[in-house]
């Protein structure tokens, strides 16, 4: 490569790097008031400096002294997982120059690799510096051991960013997610085992990690025919910060299905085909097909566990409270269902909402009430008696709770 080509490649990389930094700054500037951050940041820096000084000079609390060393590799693995990925500064327009100026593209990619590794080195250096008083005063690590931890973390991170990039390019959809999770779990297990037990063979394992990184880098640069996937993966890494900032501001679009997952063929739930039971079927199916199903399952599981934790009188009061919360929630959904515009179009009688309230609530209440009753009785009696008593208890509670208090309320409404 001639000198003008090197100069042009370097300028191209610098320009793209500035554009990337500028986009990150604009994303932060859109949601952060820097004046407010100044008032928050200065006291925060002073407080951090005071705490950091106390970790070096003052007596450490007992809970820090008793913290096991296995916490250190777990914290470093968190930095590895959330520390960002490989950015090669590719753009979609580069496909126009691949045939004529491939050296430019390779030069930009190589500089992207170097900049990504340098960034990770700085990030882990800051992390080690923050943990340094604990590493030396709690675990008795000398400078050599601290540097070994630093280079071990950095080498594993290099493997992780190359592997994530290659998997993201070669696979997509659920296959990409499954393979990436398996690879991350394997890397985490190997890293924790290395840091905990690999001090004797540190040099050999570090050399092996460097060789794996070189092989992955060579394979990444040799990939052909996947330029669109390469650009897509690069954009995913570049827009991670924007995605985090917009996570709470923009809802994920709802997937449109030609058929629902449950009741695809509109199966009849009840043998009776009276108008009341048909409308009850509509309410129950609408609830189970919607987003509220996940909340219902979580509420039921938490209630099953929650009624077993407190002592005997307290868990009964908690059980009663959960029952009324569940009934209020389900009744609110039932009322919301009848307030939809579609229900106003259907030729229903004026008292249809009242006539379907009791069977709807009983059907929707029974599964959760059965699980929570089983949890309560299991905490009071042995396993067999607890299960047997929970079934009639759930039937009686569901029969009364779905009718008595809410029926009187609905009579006043209609």
Protein backbone atom coordinates (compact mmCIF):
# COMPACT_ATOMS: atom_id res chain seq x y z
CA UNK A 1 0.00 0.00 0.00
CA UNK A 2 1.40 3.37 -0.93
CA UNK A 3 1.64 6.37 1.35
CA UNK A 4 -1.28 8.29 -0.25
CA UNK A 5 -3.49 5.25 0.26
CA UNK A 6 -2.47 5.06 3.92
CA UNK A 7 -3.24 8.72 4.36
CA UNK A 8 -6.62 8.40 2.67
CA UNK A 9 -7.53 5.33 4.74
CA UNK A 10 -6.52 7.07 7.96
CA UNK A 11 -8.57 10.18 7.11
CA UNK A 12 -11.57 8.02 6.25
CA UNK A 13 -11.32 6.20 9.57
CA UNK A 14 -10.91 9.44 11.54
CA UNK A 15 -13.94 10.97 9.84
CA UNK A 16 -16.11 7.95 10.59
CA UNK A 17 -14.86 7.85 14.15
CA UNK A 18 -15.82 11.50 14.63
CA UNK A 19 -19.24 10.85 13.13
CA UNK A 20 -19.76 7.95 15.53
CA UNK A 21 -18.72 10.01 18.57
CA UNK A 22 -20.91 12.88 17.39
CA UNK A 23 -23.96 10.61 17.10
CA UNK A 24 -23.41 9.30 20.63
CA UNK A 25 -23.12 12.85 21.95
CA UNK A 26 -26.28 13.98 20.14
CA UNK A 27 -28.17 10.98 21.53
CA UNK A 28 -27.10 11.89 25.06
CA UNK A 29 -27.73 15.59 24.48
CA UNK A 30 -31.32 14.84 23.45
CA UNK A 31 -32.29 13.52 26.89
CA UNK A 32 -29.71 14.99 29.31
CA UNK A 33 -29.65 18.51 30.71
CA UNK A 34 -25.92 19.11 31.14
CA UNK A 35 -26.45 21.90 33.67
CA UNK A 36 -28.41 19.52 35.88
CA UNK A 37 -25.78 16.84 35.33
CA UNK A 38 -23.14 19.35 36.45
CA UNK A 39 -24.95 19.84 39.75
CA UNK A 40 -25.31 16.09 40.14
CA UNK A 41 -21.89 15.13 38.78
CA UNK A 42 -19.69 17.31 40.98
CA UNK A 43 -21.16 16.05 44.29
CA UNK A 44 -21.09 12.53 42.87
CA UNK A 45 -17.38 12.79 42.02
CA UNK A 46 -16.60 14.19 45.47
CA UNK A 47 -18.60 11.42 47.15
CA UNK A 48 -16.87 8.75 45.06
CA UNK A 49 -13.45 10.22 45.93
CA UNK A 50 -14.32 10.14 49.63
CA UNK A 51 -15.50 6.53 49.48
CA UNK A 52 -12.46 5.51 47.42
CA UNK A 53 -10.13 7.16 49.94
CA UNK A 54 -11.86 5.38 52.82
CA UNK A 55 -11.39 2.03 51.05
CA UNK A 56 -7.65 2.68 51.00
CA UNK A 57 -7.08 4.29 54.41
CA UNK A 58 -9.88 3.36 56.80
CA UNK A 59 -11.03 0.08 58.29
CA UNK A 60 -13.14 -1.97 55.92
CA UNK A 61 -16.61 -3.16 56.96
CA UNK A 62 -17.06 -6.79 57.93
CA UNK A 63 -19.27 -7.66 54.95
CA UNK A 64 -16.50 -6.57 52.56
CA UNK A 65 -13.89 -8.61 54.38
CA UNK A 66 -16.13 -11.68 54.20
CA UNK A 67 -16.87 -11.32 50.48
CA UNK A 68 -15.58 -14.41 48.60
CA UNK A 69 -13.06 -14.08 45.79
CA UNK A 70 -15.56 -15.58 43.35
CA UNK A 71 -17.25 -12.16 43.32
CA UNK A 72 -14.30 -10.67 41.39
CA UNK A 73 -14.56 -12.83 38.24
CA UNK A 74 -18.34 -12.40 38.26
CA UNK A 75 -17.97 -8.60 38.31
CA UNK A 76 -15.38 -8.72 35.54
CA UNK A 77 -17.64 -11.02 33.52
CA UNK A 78 -20.36 -8.40 33.85
CA UNK A 79 -17.95 -5.84 32.35
CA UNK A 80 -17.16 -8.28 29.55
CA UNK A 81 -20.84 -8.84 28.75
CA UNK A 82 -21.97 -5.20 28.95
CA UNK A 83 -18.76 -3.53 27.76
CA UNK A 84 -19.75 -3.18 24.11
CA UNK A 85 -18.75 -5.03 20.98
CA UNK A 86 -16.60 -4.81 17.87
CA UNK A 87 -17.12 -1.75 15.68
CA UNK A 88 -15.44 -1.84 12.26
CA UNK A 89 -16.90 1.44 10.93
CA UNK A 90 -18.45 -0.10 7.84
CA UNK A 91 -21.19 1.70 5.92
CA UNK A 92 -23.66 0.54 3.30
CA UNK A 93 -22.12 2.78 0.61
CA UNK A 94 -18.81 0.91 0.91
CA UNK A 95 -20.18 -1.77 -1.39
CA UNK A 96 -19.52 0.63 -4.29
CA UNK A 97 -15.78 0.59 -3.57
CA UNK A 98 -15.19 -3.04 -2.65
CA UNK A 99 -14.08 -4.09 -6.14
CA UNK A 100 -11.66 -1.22 -6.67
CA UNK A 101 -10.49 -0.15 -3.20
CA UNK A 102 -10.56 -3.24 -1.00
CA UNK A 103 -7.43 -2.08 0.80
CA UNK A 104 -9.28 0.97 2.03
CA UNK A 105 -12.01 -1.17 3.54
CA UNK A 106 -9.52 -3.58 5.12
CA UNK A 107 -7.54 -0.64 6.49
CA UNK A 108 -10.64 0.92 8.07
CA UNK A 109 -11.66 -2.45 9.52
CA UNK A 110 -8.18 -3.04 10.97
CA UNK A 111 -8.20 0.37 12.61
CA UNK A 112 -11.70 -0.40 13.94
CA UNK A 113 -10.37 -3.58 15.55
CA UNK A 114 -7.47 -1.71 17.15
CA UNK A 115 -9.73 1.10 18.42
CA UNK A 116 -12.23 -1.39 19.85
CA UNK A 117 -9.49 -3.29 21.71
CA UNK A 118 -7.98 -0.02 23.00
CA UNK A 119 -11.41 1.08 24.24
CA UNK A 120 -11.89 -2.24 26.03
CA UNK A 121 -8.42 -1.93 27.54
CA UNK A 122 -9.27 1.52 28.93
CA UNK A 123 -12.65 0.30 30.21
CA UNK A 124 -11.16 -2.68 32.05
CA UNK A 125 -8.31 -0.51 33.33
CA UNK A 126 -10.85 1.82 34.94
CA UNK A 127 -12.74 -1.15 36.37
CA UNK A 128 -9.57 -2.66 37.86
CA UNK A 129 -8.57 0.74 39.25
CA UNK A 130 -11.93 1.08 41.02
CA UNK A 131 -11.63 -2.43 42.48
CA UNK A 132 -7.92 -2.08 43.33
CA UNK A 133 -8.31 -1.30 47.07
CA UNK A 134 -10.52 -4.37 47.48
CA UNK A 135 -8.20 -6.56 45.45
CA UNK A 136 -5.20 -5.60 47.56
CA UNK A 137 -6.68 -5.15 51.03
CA UNK A 138 -9.34 -7.89 51.01
CA UNK A 139 -7.78 -10.57 48.79
CA UNK A 140 -4.11 -9.67 49.25
CA UNK A 141 -3.31 -9.47 45.52
CA UNK A 142 -0.01 -7.91 44.51
CA UNK A 143 0.62 -5.88 41.34
CA UNK A 144 1.52 -9.02 39.38
CA UNK A 145 -1.76 -10.72 40.29
CA UNK A 146 -3.76 -7.57 39.46
CA UNK A 147 -2.08 -7.30 36.04
CA UNK A 148 -2.77 -10.99 35.44
CA UNK A 149 -6.46 -10.40 36.16
CA UNK A 150 -6.46 -7.40 33.81
CA UNK A 151 -4.88 -9.24 30.88
CA UNK A 152 -7.02 -12.31 31.45
CA UNK A 153 -10.17 -10.19 31.28
CA UNK A 154 -8.98 -8.28 28.22
CA UNK A 155 -8.02 -11.44 26.33
CA UNK A 156 -11.37 -13.09 27.03
CA UNK A 157 -13.14 -9.89 25.96
CA UNK A 158 -11.25 -9.93 22.64
CA UNK A 159 -12.51 -13.46 22.01
CA UNK A 160 -16.03 -12.42 22.98
CA UNK A 161 -16.26 -9.41 20.64
CA UNK A 162 -14.93 -11.35 17.63
CA UNK A 163 -17.18 -14.32 18.35
CA UNK A 164 -20.24 -12.09 18.80
CA UNK A 165 -19.48 -10.31 15.54
CA UNK A 166 -19.03 -13.52 13.57
CA UNK A 167 -22.20 -15.11 15.01
CA UNK A 168 -24.19 -11.94 14.34
CA UNK A 169 -23.10 -11.98 10.70
CA UNK A 170 -23.56 -15.68 9.99
CA UNK A 171 -26.85 -16.22 11.85
CA UNK A 172 -30.04 -14.29 12.51
CA UNK A 173 -33.27 -14.64 14.41
CA UNK A 174 -33.66 -17.21 17.13
CA UNK A 175 -30.65 -19.20 15.92
CA UNK A 176 -28.42 -16.18 16.47
CA UNK A 177 -29.84 -15.65 19.98
CA UNK A 178 -29.45 -19.31 21.01
CA UNK A 179 -25.89 -19.69 19.68
CA UNK A 180 -24.85 -16.35 21.17
CA UNK A 181 -26.24 -17.24 24.60
CA UNK A 182 -24.52 -20.63 24.52
CA UNK A 183 -21.21 -19.06 23.48
CA UNK A 184 -21.50 -16.42 26.21
CA UNK A 185 -22.26 -19.08 28.83
CA UNK A 186 -19.26 -21.15 27.69
CA UNK A 187 -16.96 -18.11 27.78
CA UNK A 188 -18.24 -17.11 31.23
CA UNK A 189 -17.68 -20.60 32.64
CA UNK A 190 -14.18 -20.78 31.19
CA UNK A 191 -13.26 -17.29 32.39
CA UNK A 192 -14.46 -17.88 35.96
CA UNK A 193 -12.65 -21.23 36.12
CA UNK A 194 -9.47 -19.64 34.74
CA UNK A 195 -9.44 -16.74 37.20
CA UNK A 196 -10.28 -18.99 40.15
CA UNK A 197 -7.86 -21.85 39.42
CA UNK A 198 -5.61 -20.92 36.49
CA UNK A 199 -2.78 -18.99 38.13
CA UNK A 200 -0.31 -21.83 37.65
CA UNK A 201 -0.86 -22.01 33.88
CA UNK A 202 -1.60 -18.33 33.33
CA UNK A 203 0.97 -17.83 30.56
CA UNK A 204 -0.14 -20.87 28.58
CA UNK A 205 -3.84 -19.99 28.79
CA UNK A 206 -3.16 -16.35 27.91
CA UNK A 207 -1.18 -17.43 24.85
CA UNK A 208 -4.04 -19.76 23.86
CA UNK A 209 -6.55 -16.90 24.16
CA UNK A 210 -4.35 -14.68 21.97
CA UNK A 211 -4.12 -17.43 19.34
CA UNK A 212 -7.91 -17.90 19.39
CA UNK A 213 -8.36 -14.15 18.95
CA UNK A 214 -5.97 -14.12 15.98
CA UNK A 215 -7.78 -17.06 14.36
CA UNK A 216 -11.17 -15.41 14.83
CA UNK A 217 -9.82 -12.12 13.48
CA UNK A 218 -8.34 -13.88 10.43
CA UNK A 219 -11.64 -15.67 9.81
CA UNK A 220 -13.55 -12.40 10.18
CA UNK A 221 -11.40 -10.59 7.62
CA UNK A 222 -11.69 -13.52 5.19
CA UNK A 223 -15.49 -13.53 5.19
CA UNK A 224 -17.02 -12.74 1.78
CA UNK A 225 -20.49 -12.40 0.34
CA UNK A 226 -22.06 -11.18 3.60
CA UNK A 227 -21.52 -7.45 3.34
CA UNK A 228 -25.13 -6.52 4.16
CA UNK A 229 -25.00 -8.65 7.32
CA UNK A 230 -21.65 -7.06 8.23
CA UNK A 231 -23.09 -3.56 7.93
CA UNK A 232 -26.19 -4.58 9.90
CA UNK A 233 -24.09 -5.99 12.73
CA UNK A 234 -21.90 -2.88 12.76
CA UNK A 235 -24.98 -0.65 12.97
CA UNK A 236 -26.33 -2.76 15.82
CA UNK A 237 -23.19 -2.06 17.82
CA UNK A 238 -23.18 1.64 16.92
CA UNK A 239 -26.79 2.17 18.00
CA UNK A 240 -26.66 0.30 21.31
CA UNK A 241 -26.49 3.52 23.32
CA UNK A 242 -29.42 5.02 21.40
CA UNK A 243 -31.43 1.85 21.98
CA UNK A 244 -30.76 1.98 25.73
CA UNK A 245 -31.74 5.65 25.91
CA UNK A 246 -34.99 5.05 24.00
CA UNK A 247 -35.84 1.81 25.80
CA UNK A 248 -38.39 3.42 28.10
CA UNK A 249 -39.64 6.01 25.62
CA UNK A 250 -40.68 3.85 22.65
CA UNK A 251 -42.73 0.68 22.91
CA UNK A 252 -41.74 -2.34 20.89
CA UNK A 253 -44.17 -2.82 17.98
CA UNK A 254 -46.60 -5.64 18.53
CA UNK A 255 -46.08 -8.64 16.31
CA UNK A 256 -49.00 -9.21 13.94
CA UNK A 257 -50.14 -12.83 13.82
CA UNK A 258 -52.48 -14.34 11.27
CA UNK A 259 -53.68 -16.71 13.98
CA UNK A 260 -53.45 -16.44 17.77
CA UNK A 261 -51.32 -18.88 19.71
CA UNK A 262 -54.23 -20.05 21.88
CA UNK A 263 -57.62 -21.16 20.53
CA UNK A 264 -56.62 -20.96 16.87
CA UNK A 265 -59.84 -22.59 15.71
CA UNK A 266 -62.20 -20.74 18.12
CA UNK A 267 -62.94 -23.90 20.05
CA UNK A 268 -65.98 -23.88 22.32
CA UNK A 269 -64.99 -23.72 25.99
CA UNK A 270 -68.38 -24.61 27.47
CA UNK A 271 -71.07 -27.08 26.43
CA UNK A 272 -73.80 -24.49 26.93
CA UNK A 273 -74.29 -22.28 23.85
CA UNK A 274 -76.47 -19.68 25.53
CA UNK A 275 -75.73 -16.02 24.73
CA UNK A 276 -74.28 -15.45 28.21
CA UNK A 277 -71.77 -18.31 27.90
CA UNK A 278 -70.77 -17.29 24.38
CA UNK A 279 -69.95 -13.78 25.56
CA UNK A 280 -68.13 -15.27 28.54
CA UNK A 281 -66.02 -17.27 26.08
CA UNK A 282 -65.15 -14.06 24.23
CA UNK A 283 -63.96 -12.37 27.42
CA UNK A 284 -61.88 -15.35 28.57
CA UNK A 285 -60.29 -15.91 25.15
CA UNK A 286 -59.52 -12.23 24.78
CA UNK A 287 -57.78 -12.24 28.16
CA UNK A 288 -55.73 -15.37 27.43
CA UNK A 289 -54.71 -14.18 23.97
CA UNK A 290 -53.54 -10.77 25.18
CA UNK A 291 -50.54 -9.45 27.08
CA UNK A 292 -52.29 -9.85 30.43
CA UNK A 293 -51.68 -13.61 30.37
CA UNK A 294 -48.03 -13.16 31.35
CA UNK A 295 -49.01 -10.92 34.25
CA UNK A 296 -51.61 -13.45 35.36
CA UNK A 297 -49.04 -16.27 35.39
CA UNK A 298 -46.47 -14.16 37.25
CA UNK A 299 -49.07 -13.02 39.80
CA UNK A 300 -50.11 -16.64 40.36
CA UNK A 301 -46.56 -17.92 40.83
CA UNK A 302 -45.60 -15.07 43.14
CA UNK A 303 -48.79 -15.64 45.13
CA UNK A 304 -48.03 -19.37 45.39
CA UNK A 305 -44.59 -18.63 46.83
CA UNK A 306 -45.59 -15.54 48.81
CA UNK A 307 -48.26 -17.22 50.95
CA UNK A 308 -45.71 -19.83 52.10
CA UNK A 309 -43.07 -17.43 53.37
CA UNK A 310 -44.76 -15.59 56.32
CA UNK A 311 -45.77 -17.34 59.56
CA UNK A 312 -49.24 -18.76 60.08
CA UNK A 313 -51.52 -15.78 60.86
CA UNK A 314 -49.74 -13.43 58.47
CA UNK A 315 -49.95 -15.68 55.41
CA UNK A 316 -53.73 -15.94 55.79
CA UNK A 317 -54.12 -12.16 55.71
CA UNK A 318 -51.75 -12.01 52.73
CA UNK A 319 -53.78 -14.70 50.98
CA UNK A 320 -57.01 -12.72 51.49
CA UNK A 321 -55.36 -9.52 50.24
CA UNK A 322 -54.07 -11.27 47.11
CA UNK A 323 -57.52 -12.68 46.41
CA UNK A 324 -59.19 -9.28 46.44
CA UNK A 325 -56.38 -7.73 44.36
CA UNK A 326 -56.76 -10.49 41.79
CA UNK A 327 -60.54 -10.15 41.72
CA UNK A 328 -60.34 -6.38 41.33
CA UNK A 329 -57.85 -6.74 38.44
CA UNK A 330 -59.92 -9.33 36.56
CA UNK A 331 -63.12 -7.38 37.06
CA UNK A 332 -61.40 -4.26 35.70
CA UNK A 333 -60.39 -6.18 32.59
CA UNK A 334 -63.95 -7.47 32.18
CA UNK A 335 -65.32 -3.93 32.33
CA UNK A 336 -62.66 -2.74 29.89
CA UNK A 337 -63.64 -5.50 27.47
CA UNK A 338 -67.26 -4.35 27.41
CA UNK A 339 -66.23 -0.71 26.93
CA UNK A 340 -64.62 -1.42 23.55
CA UNK A 341 -66.15 0.00 20.42
CA UNK A 342 -66.66 -3.47 18.94
CA UNK A 343 -68.86 -4.56 21.85
CA UNK A 344 -71.07 -1.51 21.32
CA UNK A 345 -71.71 -2.59 17.74
CA UNK A 346 -72.78 -6.14 18.63
CA UNK A 347 -76.52 -6.68 19.23
CA UNK A 348 -76.23 -7.40 22.96
CA UNK A 349 -78.85 -6.70 25.55
CA UNK A 350 -78.48 -3.91 28.05
CA UNK A 351 -78.00 -6.39 30.90
CA UNK A 352 -75.53 -8.71 29.09
CA UNK A 353 -72.54 -7.32 30.98
CA UNK A 354 -74.29 -8.01 34.27
CA UNK A 355 -75.39 -11.55 33.32
CA UNK A 356 -71.88 -12.56 32.18
CA UNK A 357 -70.00 -11.01 35.12
CA UNK A 358 -70.35 -13.92 37.54
CA UNK A 359 -69.37 -16.82 35.21
CA UNK A 360 -66.54 -14.77 33.72
CA UNK A 361 -65.01 -13.94 37.09
CA UNK A 362 -65.39 -17.48 38.38
CA UNK A 363 -63.66 -19.01 35.36
CA UNK A 364 -60.81 -16.49 35.35
CA UNK A 365 -60.32 -16.65 39.11
CA UNK A 366 -60.20 -20.43 39.58
CA UNK A 367 -56.65 -21.29 38.25
CA UNK A 368 -54.93 -18.58 40.30
CA UNK A 369 -57.03 -19.24 43.39
CA UNK A 370 -56.25 -22.97 43.17
CA UNK A 371 -52.48 -22.35 43.00
CA UNK A 372 -52.48 -19.82 45.84
CA UNK A 373 -54.70 -22.09 47.97
CA UNK A 374 -52.28 -24.95 47.39
CA UNK A 375 -49.39 -22.72 48.51
CA UNK A 376 -51.20 -21.65 51.68
CA UNK A 377 -52.33 -25.13 52.68
CA UNK A 378 -48.90 -26.61 51.97
CA UNK A 379 -47.42 -24.20 54.49
CA UNK A 380 -49.94 -25.30 57.14
CA UNK A 381 -50.23 -29.06 56.58
CA UNK A 382 -48.13 -31.89 55.13
CA UNK A 383 -47.88 -32.31 51.40
CA UNK A 384 -50.76 -34.72 50.84
CA UNK A 385 -53.31 -32.98 53.06
CA UNK A 386 -52.33 -29.57 51.71
CA UNK A 387 -53.03 -30.56 48.11
CA UNK A 388 -56.33 -32.26 49.00
CA UNK A 389 -57.60 -29.31 51.04
CA UNK A 390 -56.64 -26.76 48.39
CA UNK A 391 -59.09 -28.12 45.79
CA UNK A 392 -62.37 -27.72 47.74
CA UNK A 393 -61.05 -24.49 49.26
CA UNK A 394 -60.39 -23.04 45.79
CA UNK A 395 -63.84 -24.10 44.57
CA UNK A 396 -65.62 -22.47 47.52
CA UNK A 397 -63.58 -19.27 47.38
CA UNK A 398 -64.01 -18.93 43.62
CA UNK A 399 -67.76 -19.57 43.85
CA UNK A 400 -68.23 -16.91 46.53
CA UNK A 401 -65.67 -14.34 45.36
CA UNK A 402 -66.90 -14.43 41.78
CA UNK A 403 -70.50 -13.74 42.78
CA UNK A 404 -71.33 -12.37 46.21
CA UNK A 405 -69.54 -9.01 46.59
CA UNK A 406 -69.32 -8.10 42.91
CA UNK A 407 -72.90 -9.10 42.15
CA UNK A 408 -74.24 -6.60 44.68
CA UNK A 409 -71.96 -3.94 43.25
CA UNK A 410 -73.13 -4.60 39.71
CA UNK A 411 -76.80 -4.44 40.78
CA UNK A 412 -76.22 -0.91 41.96
CA UNK A 413 -74.58 -0.08 38.65
CA UNK A 414 -77.42 -1.40 36.49
